[in-house]
Structures are given as C-alpha cells and as structure tokens.
C-alpha cells in the first residue's frame, strides 16, 4: 500500500474519531505519514491536555493500527 493510500485511510479513521475529540474541545490534524509512522498534531484542548499522550496512544494509535494496514506507530508533532 502506498503512503498516499495510507494517508487516505488514516484520514477516514480520524474522521470517525473526530466527534469524540470535538466533544472535549479538541481536534487533530494529519501532518504526514512516513514509513508507516503517522504524524499528528493535536489541536485545541487536546494540544494542552495532560492526558493527550493517552488519547494519542491508547485511542488514536490503537484505532489506526487496527484499521489501517501499514501503520506501525503514531507520533505527536508540535
């Protein structure tokens, strides 16, 4: 699967997760995908929340690993 295909699938999963982030006053933005590593920027309340690492790893990363072949990790970028 090409990185462009992975980006499209990642965006689809993020769109499904977005209502949960928005409900808490946050959001996320797909920055890039390189070698299976998804780079996300957390926005709004999520950007400064002490639980943002848990949101990123336990929530977003878990969903992407389950649903998008080729994703190996999710990293937060600032």
PDB file of N, CA and C in Angstrom:
ATOM      1  N   UNK A   1       0.849  -1.176   0.000  1.00  0.00           N
ATOM      2  CA  UNK A   1       0.000   0.000   0.000  1.00  0.00           C
ATOM      3  C   UNK A   1       0.893   1.237   0.000  1.00  0.00           C
ATOM      4  N   UNK A   2       0.581   2.187  -0.873  1.00  0.00           N
ATOM      5  CA  UNK A   2       1.400   3.403  -0.971  1.00  0.00           C
ATOM      6  C   UNK A   2       1.114   4.335   0.209  1.00  0.00           C
ATOM      7  N   UNK A   3       2.029   5.266   0.447  1.00  0.00           N
ATOM      8  CA  UNK A   3       1.831   6.222   1.538  1.00  0.00           C
ATOM      9  C   UNK A   3       0.594   7.073   1.292  1.00  0.00           C
ATOM     10  N   UNK A   4       0.300   7.363   0.018  1.00  0.00           N
ATOM     11  CA  UNK A   4      -0.898   8.146  -0.289  1.00  0.00           C
ATOM     12  C   UNK A   4      -2.156   7.365   0.089  1.00  0.00           C
ATOM     13  N   UNK A   5      -2.173   6.060  -0.207  1.00  0.00           N
ATOM     14  CA  UNK A   5      -3.313   5.217   0.175  1.00  0.00           C
ATOM     15  C   UNK A   5      -3.459   5.165   1.695  1.00  0.00           C
ATOM     16  N   UNK A   6      -2.325   5.055   2.383  1.00  0.00           N
ATOM     17  CA  UNK A   6      -2.350   5.028   3.847  1.00  0.00           C
ATOM     18  C   UNK A   6      -2.913   6.346   4.374  1.00  0.00           C
ATOM     19  N   UNK A   7      -2.483   7.474   3.796  1.00  0.00           N
ATOM     20  CA  UNK A   7      -2.977   8.787   4.232  1.00  0.00           C
ATOM     21  C   UNK A   7      -4.492   8.874   4.093  1.00  0.00           C
ATOM     22  N   UNK A   8      -5.021   8.373   2.972  1.00  0.00           N
ATOM     23  CA  UNK A   8      -6.472   8.413   2.746  1.00  0.00           C
ATOM     24  C   UNK A   8      -7.191   7.589   3.812  1.00  0.00           C
ATOM     25  N   UNK A   9      -6.691   6.391   4.084  1.00  0.00           N
ATOM     26  CA  UNK A   9      -7.324   5.532   5.089  1.00  0.00           C
ATOM     27  C   UNK A   9      -7.185   6.115   6.495  1.00  0.00           C
ATOM     28  N   UNK A  10      -6.019   6.692   6.790  1.00  0.00           N
ATOM     29  CA  UNK A  10      -5.812   7.321   8.101  1.00  0.00           C
ATOM     30  C   UNK A  10      -6.818   8.454   8.280  1.00  0.00           C
ATOM     31  N   UNK A  11      -6.992   9.271   7.248  1.00  0.00           N
ATOM     32  CA  UNK A  11      -7.924  10.395   7.337  1.00  0.00           C
ATOM     33  C   UNK A  11      -9.350   9.907   7.580  1.00  0.00           C
ATOM     34  N   UNK A  12      -9.723   8.795   6.951  1.00  0.00           N
ATOM     35  CA  UNK A  12     -11.067   8.240   7.153  1.00  0.00           C
ATOM     36  C   UNK A  12     -11.263   7.815   8.616  1.00  0.00           C
ATOM     37  N   UNK A  13     -10.252   7.184   9.199  1.00  0.00           N
ATOM     38  CA  UNK A  13     -10.347   6.767  10.603  1.00  0.00           C
ATOM     39  C   UNK A  13     -10.394   7.999  11.509  1.00  0.00           C
ATOM     40  N   UNK A  14      -9.565   9.000  11.226  1.00  0.00           N
ATOM     41  CA  UNK A  14      -9.564  10.221  12.031  1.00  0.00           C
ATOM     42  C   UNK A  14     -10.924  10.910  11.969  1.00  0.00           C
ATOM     43  N   UNK A  15     -11.558  10.877  10.799  1.00  0.00           N
ATOM     44  CA  UNK A  15     -12.874  11.499  10.663  1.00  0.00           C
ATOM     45  C   UNK A  15     -13.907  10.794  11.545  1.00  0.00           C
ATOM     46  N   UNK A  16     -13.735   9.467  11.734  1.00  0.00           N
ATOM     47  CA  UNK A  16     -14.653   8.728  12.613  1.00  0.00           C
ATOM     48  C   UNK A  16     -14.388   9.059  14.083  1.00  0.00           C
ATOM     49  N   UNK A  17     -13.138   9.333  14.433  1.00  0.00           N
ATOM     50  CA  UNK A  17     -12.769   9.635  15.816  1.00  0.00           C
ATOM     51  C   UNK A  17     -13.004  11.104  16.184  1.00  0.00           C
ATOM     52  N   UNK A  18     -13.029  11.960  15.174  1.00  0.00           N
ATOM     53  CA  UNK A  18     -13.094  13.412  15.397  1.00  0.00           C
ATOM     54  C   UNK A  18     -14.243  13.849  16.314  1.00  0.00           C
ATOM     55  N   UNK A  19     -15.469  13.304  16.181  1.00  0.00           N
ATOM     56  CA  UNK A  19     -16.546  13.767  17.079  1.00  0.00           C
ATOM     57  C   UNK A  19     -16.216  13.601  18.565  1.00  0.00           C
ATOM     58  N   UNK A  20     -15.459  12.552  18.906  1.00  0.00           N
ATOM     59  CA  UNK A  20     -15.076  12.338  20.302  1.00  0.00           C
ATOM     60  C   UNK A  20     -14.087  13.409  20.763  1.00  0.00           C
ATOM     61  N   UNK A  21     -13.174  13.795  19.880  1.00  0.00           N
ATOM     62  CA  UNK A  21     -12.214  14.848  20.222  1.00  0.00           C
ATOM     63  C   UNK A  21     -12.912  16.197  20.327  1.00  0.00           C
ATOM     64  N   UNK A  22     -13.808  16.473  19.372  1.00  0.00           N
ATOM     65  CA  UNK A  22     -14.523  17.752  19.361  1.00  0.00           C
ATOM     66  C   UNK A  22     -15.395  17.907  20.604  1.00  0.00           C
ATOM     67  N   UNK A  23     -15.966  16.806  21.064  1.00  0.00           N
ATOM     68  CA  UNK A  23     -16.816  16.840  22.252  1.00  0.00           C
ATOM     69  C   UNK A  23     -16.034  17.348  23.466  1.00  0.00           C
ATOM     70  N   UNK A  24     -14.740  17.065  23.492  1.00  0.00           N
ATOM     71  CA  UNK A  24     -13.885  17.509  24.600  1.00  0.00           C
ATOM     72  C   UNK A  24     -13.151  18.804  24.281  1.00  0.00           C
ATOM     73  N   UNK A  25     -13.522  19.466  23.192  1.00  0.00           N
ATOM     74  CA  UNK A  25     -12.917  20.753  22.841  1.00  0.00           C
ATOM     75  C   UNK A  25     -11.603  20.638  22.087  1.00  0.00           C
ATOM     76  N   UNK A  26     -11.314  19.469  21.539  1.00  0.00           N
ATOM     77  CA  UNK A  26     -10.060  19.280  20.821  1.00  0.00           C
ATOM     78  C   UNK A  26     -10.279  18.826  19.393  1.00  0.00           C
ATOM     79  N   UNK A  27      -9.188  18.539  18.724  1.00  0.00           N
ATOM     80  CA  UNK A  27      -9.216  18.033  17.352  1.00  0.00           C
ATOM     81  C   UNK A  27      -7.809  17.520  17.046  1.00  0.00           C
ATOM     82  N   UNK A  28      -7.645  16.927  15.871  1.00  0.00           N
ATOM     83  CA  UNK A  28      -6.315  16.514  15.444  1.00  0.00           C
ATOM     84  C   UNK A  28      -6.172  16.759  13.952  1.00  0.00           C
ATOM     85  N   UNK A  29      -4.939  16.900  13.536  1.00  0.00           N
ATOM     86  CA  UNK A  29      -4.623  17.188  12.137  1.00  0.00           C
ATOM     87  C   UNK A  29      -3.560  16.195  11.674  1.00  0.00           C
ATOM     88  N   UNK A  30      -3.805  15.558  10.541  1.00  0.00           N
ATOM     89  CA  UNK A  30      -2.811  14.674   9.939  1.00  0.00           C
ATOM     90  C   UNK A  30      -1.730  15.530   9.308  1.00  0.00           C
ATOM     91  N   UNK A  31      -0.493  15.379   9.777  1.00  0.00           N
ATOM     92  CA  UNK A  31       0.622  16.156   9.247  1.00  0.00           C
ATOM     93  C   UNK A  31       1.307  15.389   8.121  1.00  0.00           C
ATOM     94  N   UNK A  32       1.592  14.091   8.349  1.00  0.00           N
ATOM     95  CA  UNK A  32       2.297  13.310   7.341  1.00  0.00           C
ATOM     96  C   UNK A  32       2.269  11.832   7.726  1.00  0.00           C
ATOM     97  N   UNK A  33       2.620  11.000   6.762  1.00  0.00           N
ATOM     98  CA  UNK A  33       2.851   9.580   7.007  1.00  0.00           C
ATOM     99  C   UNK A  33       4.187   9.248   6.356  1.00  0.00           C
ATOM    100  N   UNK A  34       5.137   8.737   7.157  1.00  0.00           N
ATOM    101  CA  UNK A  34       6.463   8.361   6.654  1.00  0.00           C
ATOM    102  C   UNK A  34       6.809   6.976   7.176  1.00  0.00           C
ATOM    103  N   UNK A  35       7.054   6.049   6.275  1.00  0.00           N
ATOM    104  CA  UNK A  35       7.459   4.686   6.644  1.00  0.00           C
ATOM    105  C   UNK A  35       6.514   4.053   7.670  1.00  0.00           C
ATOM    106  N   UNK A  36       5.219   4.288   7.517  1.00  0.00           N
ATOM    107  CA  UNK A  36       4.232   3.709   8.410  1.00  0.00           C
ATOM    108  C   UNK A  36       4.027   4.466   9.707  1.00  0.00           C
ATOM    109  N   UNK A  37       4.765   5.558   9.897  1.00  0.00           N
ATOM    110  CA  UNK A  37       4.622   6.377  11.100  1.00  0.00           C
ATOM    111  C   UNK A  37       3.705   7.552  10.776  1.00  0.00           C
ATOM    112  N   UNK A  38       2.576   7.605  11.473  1.00  0.00           N
ATOM    113  CA  UNK A  38       1.595   8.668  11.282  1.00  0.00           C
ATOM    114  C   UNK A  38       1.956   9.824  12.199  1.00  0.00           C
ATOM    115  N   UNK A  39       2.091  11.008  11.629  1.00  0.00           N
ATOM    116  CA  UNK A  39       2.435  12.194  12.414  1.00  0.00           C
ATOM    117  C   UNK A  39       1.187  13.061  12.540  1.00  0.00           C
ATOM    118  N   UNK A  40       0.765  13.256  13.790  1.00  0.00           N
ATOM    119  CA  UNK A  40      -0.447  14.018  14.083  1.00  0.00           C
ATOM    120  C   UNK A  40      -0.137  15.228  14.939  1.00  0.00           C
ATOM    121  N   UNK A  41      -0.902  16.277  14.713  1.00  0.00           N
ATOM    122  CA  UNK A  41      -0.847  17.455  15.574  1.00  0.00           C
ATOM    123  C   UNK A  41      -2.176  17.506  16.317  1.00  0.00           C
ATOM    124  N   UNK A  42      -2.116  17.515  17.654  1.00  0.00           N
ATOM    125  CA  UNK A  42      -3.324  17.647  18.458  1.00  0.00           C
ATOM    126  C   UNK A  42      -3.634  19.132  18.612  1.00  0.00           C
ATOM    127  N   UNK A  43      -4.909  19.471  18.444  1.00  0.00           N
ATOM    128  CA  UNK A  43      -5.325  20.871  18.426  1.00  0.00           C
ATOM    129  C   UNK A  43      -6.315  21.162  19.546  1.00  0.00           C
ATOM    130  N   UNK A  44      -6.520  22.450  19.815  1.00  0.00           N
ATOM    131  CA  UNK A  44      -7.498  22.857  20.817  1.00  0.00           C
ATOM    132  C   UNK A  44      -7.140  22.331  22.185  1.00  0.00           C
ATOM    133  N   UNK A  45      -8.154  21.884  22.911  1.00  0.00           N
ATOM    134  CA  UNK A  45      -7.946  21.385  24.273  1.00  0.00           C
ATOM    135  C   UNK A  45      -7.021  20.180  24.279  1.00  0.00           C
ATOM    136  N   UNK A  46      -7.016  19.391  23.198  1.00  0.00           N
ATOM    137  CA  UNK A  46      -6.155  18.198  23.154  1.00  0.00           C
ATOM    138  C   UNK A  46      -4.675  18.560  23.136  1.00  0.00           C
ATOM    139  N   UNK A  47      -4.344  19.702  22.578  1.00  0.00           N
ATOM    140  CA  UNK A  47      -2.944  20.099  22.476  1.00  0.00           C
ATOM    141  C   UNK A  47      -2.290  20.361  23.815  1.00  0.00           C
ATOM    142  N   UNK A  48      -3.073  20.812  24.801  1.00  0.00           N
ATOM    143  CA  UNK A  48      -2.504  21.161  26.098  1.00  0.00           C
ATOM    144  C   UNK A  48      -2.982  20.249  27.223  1.00  0.00           C
ATOM    145  N   UNK A  49      -3.753  19.246  26.876  1.00  0.00           N
ATOM    146  CA  UNK A  49      -4.323  18.352  27.895  1.00  0.00           C
ATOM    147  C   UNK A  49      -3.246  17.411  28.438  1.00  0.00           C
ATOM    148  N   UNK A  50      -3.204  17.234  29.771  1.00  0.00           N
ATOM    149  CA  UNK A  50      -2.235  16.299  30.341  1.00  0.00           C
ATOM    150  C   UNK A  50      -2.473  14.855  29.897  1.00  0.00           C
ATOM    151  N   UNK A  51      -3.671  14.540  29.464  1.00  0.00           N
ATOM    152  CA  UNK A  51      -3.993  13.184  29.010  1.00  0.00           C
ATOM    153  C   UNK A  51      -3.794  13.002  27.506  1.00  0.00           C
ATOM    154  N   UNK A  52      -3.202  13.983  26.844  1.00  0.00           N
ATOM    155  CA  UNK A  52      -3.084  13.916  25.379  1.00  0.00           C
ATOM    156  C   UNK A  52      -2.264  12.716  24.918  1.00  0.00           C
ATOM    157  N   UNK A  53      -1.255  12.327  25.669  1.00  0.00           N
ATOM    158  CA  UNK A  53      -0.456  11.158  25.289  1.00  0.00           C
ATOM    159  C   UNK A  53      -1.309   9.893  25.336  1.00  0.00           C
ATOM    160  N   UNK A  54      -2.164   9.803  26.339  1.00  0.00           N
ATOM    161  CA  UNK A  54      -3.055   8.645  26.440  1.00  0.00           C
ATOM    162  C   UNK A  54      -4.050   8.660  25.282  1.00  0.00           C
ATOM    163  N   UNK A  55      -4.608   9.829  24.980  1.00  0.00           N
ATOM    164  CA  UNK A  55      -5.527   9.958  23.846  1.00  0.00           C
ATOM    165  C   UNK A  55      -4.840   9.516  22.566  1.00  0.00           C
ATOM    166  N   UNK A  56      -3.616   9.968  22.376  1.00  0.00           N
ATOM    167  CA  UNK A  56      -2.882   9.668  21.155  1.00  0.00           C
ATOM    168  C   UNK A  56      -2.556   8.186  21.053  1.00  0.00           C
ATOM    169  N   UNK A  57      -1.996   7.610  22.102  1.00  0.00           N
ATOM    170  CA  UNK A  57      -1.523   6.224  22.049  1.00  0.00           C
ATOM    171  C   UNK A  57      -2.650   5.212  22.250  1.00  0.00           C
ATOM    172  N   UNK A  58      -3.450   5.386  23.297  1.00  0.00           N
ATOM    173  CA  UNK A  58      -4.468   4.386  23.624  1.00  0.00           C
ATOM    174  C   UNK A  58      -5.694   4.511  22.730  1.00  0.00           C
ATOM    175  N   UNK A  59      -5.971   5.709  22.251  1.00  0.00           N
ATOM    176  CA  UNK A  59      -7.157   5.914  21.435  1.00  0.00           C
ATOM    177  C   UNK A  59      -6.860   5.918  19.950  1.00  0.00           C
ATOM    178  N   UNK A  60      -6.188   6.959  19.511  1.00  0.00           N
ATOM    179  CA  UNK A  60      -5.969   7.157  18.071  1.00  0.00           C
ATOM    180  C   UNK A  60      -5.037   6.092  17.502  1.00  0.00           C
ATOM    181  N   UNK A  61      -3.897   5.858  18.145  1.00  0.00           N
ATOM    182  CA  UNK A  61      -2.947   4.882  17.610  1.00  0.00           C
ATOM    183  C   UNK A  61      -3.565   3.487  17.560  1.00  0.00           C
ATOM    184  N   UNK A  62      -4.268   3.084  18.609  1.00  0.00           N
ATOM    185  CA  UNK A  62      -4.877   1.763  18.625  1.00  0.00           C
ATOM    186  C   UNK A  62      -5.855   1.594  17.461  1.00  0.00           C
ATOM    187  N   UNK A  63      -6.682   2.611  17.226  1.00  0.00           N
ATOM    188  CA  UNK A  63      -7.651   2.536  16.129  1.00  0.00           C
ATOM    189  C   UNK A  63      -6.950   2.459  14.775  1.00  0.00           C
ATOM    190  N   UNK A  64      -5.897   3.242  14.595  1.00  0.00           N
ATOM    191  CA  UNK A  64      -5.185   3.234  13.313  1.00  0.00           C
ATOM    192  C   UNK A  64      -4.458   1.914  13.085  1.00  0.00           C
ATOM    193  N   UNK A  65      -3.844   1.359  14.135  1.00  0.00           N
ATOM    194  CA  UNK A  65      -3.156   0.071  13.994  1.00  0.00           C
ATOM    195  C   UNK A  65      -4.138  -1.033  13.620  1.00  0.00           C
ATOM    196  N   UNK A  66      -5.345  -0.974  14.177  1.00  0.00           N
ATOM    197  CA  UNK A  66      -6.355  -1.993  13.897  1.00  0.00           C
ATOM    198  C   UNK A  66      -6.948  -1.856  12.509  1.00  0.00           C
ATOM    199  N   UNK A  67      -7.111  -0.620  12.030  1.00  0.00           N
ATOM    200  CA  UNK A  67      -7.898  -0.399  10.823  1.00  0.00           C
ATOM    201  C   UNK A  67      -7.101  -0.086   9.561  1.00  0.00           C
ATOM    202  N   UNK A  68      -5.847   0.322   9.697  1.00  0.00           N
ATOM    203  CA  UNK A  68      -5.079   0.734   8.514  1.00  0.00           C
ATOM    204  C   UNK A  68      -3.815  -0.110   8.388  1.00  0.00           C
ATOM    205  N   UNK A  69      -3.793  -1.037   7.412  1.00  0.00           N
ATOM    206  CA  UNK A  69      -2.584  -1.826   7.188  1.00  0.00           C
ATOM    207  C   UNK A  69      -1.420  -0.902   6.812  1.00  0.00           C
ATOM    208  N   UNK A  70      -0.267  -1.169   7.378  1.00  0.00           N
ATOM    209  CA  UNK A  70       0.913  -0.362   7.057  1.00  0.00           C
ATOM    210  C   UNK A  70       1.262   0.650   8.132  1.00  0.00           C
ATOM    211  N   UNK A  71       0.310   0.971   9.002  1.00  0.00           N
ATOM    212  CA  UNK A  71       0.606   1.895  10.102  1.00  0.00           C
ATOM    213  C   UNK A  71       1.329   1.112  11.193  1.00  0.00           C
ATOM    214  N   UNK A  72       2.470   1.660  11.652  1.00  0.00           N
ATOM    215  CA  UNK A  72       3.243   0.992  12.696  1.00  0.00           C
ATOM    216  C   UNK A  72       3.286   1.788  14.001  1.00  0.00           C
ATOM    217  N   UNK A  73       3.053   3.102  13.910  1.00  0.00           N
ATOM    218  CA  UNK A  73       3.146   3.955  15.102  1.00  0.00           C
ATOM    219  C   UNK A  73       2.484   5.291  14.800  1.00  0.00           C
ATOM    220  N   UNK A  74       2.089   5.988  15.873  1.00  0.00           N
ATOM    221  CA  UNK A  74       1.579   7.340  15.762  1.00  0.00           C
ATOM    222  C   UNK A  74       2.444   8.236  16.633  1.00  0.00           C
ATOM    223  N   UNK A  75       2.898   9.343  16.062  1.00  0.00           N
ATOM    224  CA  UNK A  75       3.718  10.312  16.803  1.00  0.00           C
ATOM    225  C   UNK A  75       3.010  11.651  16.832  1.00  0.00           C
ATOM    226  N   UNK A  76       3.130  12.341  17.954  1.00  0.00           N
ATOM    227  CA  UNK A  76       2.605  13.698  18.060  1.00  0.00           C
ATOM    228  C   UNK A  76       3.679  14.676  17.619  1.00  0.00           C
ATOM    229  N   UNK A  77       3.296  15.612  16.756  1.00  0.00           N
ATOM    230  CA  UNK A  77       4.202  16.678  16.350  1.00  0.00           C
ATOM    231  C   UNK A  77       3.593  18.008  16.820  1.00  0.00           C
ATOM    232  N   UNK A  78       4.480  18.979  17.037  1.00  0.00           N
ATOM    233  CA  UNK A  78       4.023  20.262  17.576  1.00  0.00           C
ATOM    234  C   UNK A  78       4.222  21.373  16.582  1.00  0.00           C
TER     235      UNK A  78
END
